[in-house]
């Protein structure tokens, strides 16, 4: 579904705990696509290498 270096937008965060940062509405770059989700970098800023994992149904192409 997604490929490395795709720009994606977080549409929902199904597993965020109450009070946690949800990332909803933010865009980032796919670092590692897998069958069930993606690892995304750039959510902490354009030069950030910190990655976060999201399932495919939580993101869309931006």
C-alpha atoms as a PDB file:
ATOM      1  CA  UNK A   1       0.000   0.000   0.000  1.00  0.00           C
ATOM      2  CA  UNK A   2       2.694   2.518   0.982  1.00  0.00           C
ATOM      3  CA  UNK A   3       6.275   2.714  -0.232  1.00  0.00           C
ATOM      4  CA  UNK A   4       9.469   4.027   1.338  1.00  0.00           C
ATOM      5  CA  UNK A   5       9.682   7.842   1.114  1.00  0.00           C
ATOM      6  CA  UNK A   6       5.906   8.279   0.592  1.00  0.00           C
ATOM      7  CA  UNK A   7       4.529  11.316   2.410  1.00  0.00           C
ATOM      8  CA  UNK A   8       1.628  10.305   4.614  1.00  0.00           C
ATOM      9  CA  UNK A   9      -0.825  12.044   6.944  1.00  0.00           C
ATOM     10  CA  UNK A  10      -1.966  10.572  10.244  1.00  0.00           C
ATOM     11  CA  UNK A  11      -5.770  10.331  10.112  1.00  0.00           C
ATOM     12  CA  UNK A  12      -6.345   8.583  13.436  1.00  0.00           C
ATOM     13  CA  UNK A  13      -4.386   7.006  16.265  1.00  0.00           C
ATOM     14  CA  UNK A  14      -6.349   4.023  17.464  1.00  0.00           C
ATOM     15  CA  UNK A  15      -3.931   3.066  20.220  1.00  0.00           C
ATOM     16  CA  UNK A  16      -3.058   6.411  21.829  1.00  0.00           C
ATOM     17  CA  UNK A  17      -3.664   6.498  25.556  1.00  0.00           C
ATOM     18  CA  UNK A  18      -5.760   9.384  26.934  1.00  0.00           C
ATOM     19  CA  UNK A  19      -3.577  12.476  27.206  1.00  0.00           C
ATOM     20  CA  UNK A  20      -0.899  11.117  24.842  1.00  0.00           C
ATOM     21  CA  UNK A  21       0.175  12.908  21.700  1.00  0.00           C
ATOM     22  CA  UNK A  22      -1.947  11.492  18.840  1.00  0.00           C
ATOM     23  CA  UNK A  23      -0.139  12.970  15.794  1.00  0.00           C
ATOM     24  CA  UNK A  24      -3.534  13.266  14.017  1.00  0.00           C
ATOM     25  CA  UNK A  25      -3.251  15.713  11.112  1.00  0.00           C
ATOM     26  CA  UNK A  26       0.538  15.622  10.997  1.00  0.00           C
ATOM     27  CA  UNK A  27       2.496  14.488   7.956  1.00  0.00           C
ATOM     28  CA  UNK A  28       5.692  12.469   7.817  1.00  0.00           C
ATOM     29  CA  UNK A  29       7.787  10.272   5.558  1.00  0.00           C
ATOM     30  CA  UNK A  30       7.537   6.482   5.369  1.00  0.00           C
ATOM     31  CA  UNK A  31      10.809   4.891   6.455  1.00  0.00           C
ATOM     32  CA  UNK A  32       9.742   1.240   6.615  1.00  0.00           C
ATOM     33  CA  UNK A  33       6.578  -0.086   4.989  1.00  0.00           C
ATOM     34  CA  UNK A  34       5.257  -3.460   6.168  1.00  0.00           C
ATOM     35  CA  UNK A  35       2.217  -5.525   5.284  1.00  0.00           C
ATOM     36  CA  UNK A  36       0.154  -4.114   8.166  1.00  0.00           C
ATOM     37  CA  UNK A  37       1.607  -0.653   8.688  1.00  0.00           C
ATOM     38  CA  UNK A  38       4.390   1.859   8.309  1.00  0.00           C
ATOM     39  CA  UNK A  39       7.182   3.391  10.338  1.00  0.00           C
ATOM     40  CA  UNK A  40       7.166   7.167   9.876  1.00  0.00           C
ATOM     41  CA  UNK A  41       9.845   9.800  10.506  1.00  0.00           C
ATOM     42  CA  UNK A  42       9.568  13.585  10.499  1.00  0.00           C
ATOM     43  CA  UNK A  43       6.696  13.960  12.952  1.00  0.00           C
ATOM     44  CA  UNK A  44       8.902  15.824  15.433  1.00  0.00           C
ATOM     45  CA  UNK A  45      10.166  18.236  12.754  1.00  0.00           C
ATOM     46  CA  UNK A  46      11.462  18.118   9.194  1.00  0.00           C
ATOM     47  CA  UNK A  47      14.951  16.903  10.169  1.00  0.00           C
ATOM     48  CA  UNK A  48      13.840  14.480  12.875  1.00  0.00           C
ATOM     49  CA  UNK A  49      14.910  10.855  12.526  1.00  0.00           C
ATOM     50  CA  UNK A  50      12.709   9.666  15.420  1.00  0.00           C
ATOM     51  CA  UNK A  51      10.275   7.094  14.047  1.00  0.00           C
ATOM     52  CA  UNK A  52       6.759   6.056  15.036  1.00  0.00           C
ATOM     53  CA  UNK A  53       4.743   2.999  13.969  1.00  0.00           C
ATOM     54  CA  UNK A  54       1.193   3.289  12.613  1.00  0.00           C
ATOM     55  CA  UNK A  55      -1.155   0.746  11.081  1.00  0.00           C
ATOM     56  CA  UNK A  56      -2.268   1.225   7.464  1.00  0.00           C
ATOM     57  CA  UNK A  57      -5.801   2.198   8.512  1.00  0.00           C
ATOM     58  CA  UNK A  58      -4.416   5.095  10.580  1.00  0.00           C
ATOM     59  CA  UNK A  59      -2.652   6.873   7.688  1.00  0.00           C
ATOM     60  CA  UNK A  60      -3.328   8.166   4.189  1.00  0.00           C
ATOM     61  CA  UNK A  61      -1.148   9.489   1.381  1.00  0.00           C
ATOM     62  CA  UNK A  62      -0.673  13.209   1.746  1.00  0.00           C
END
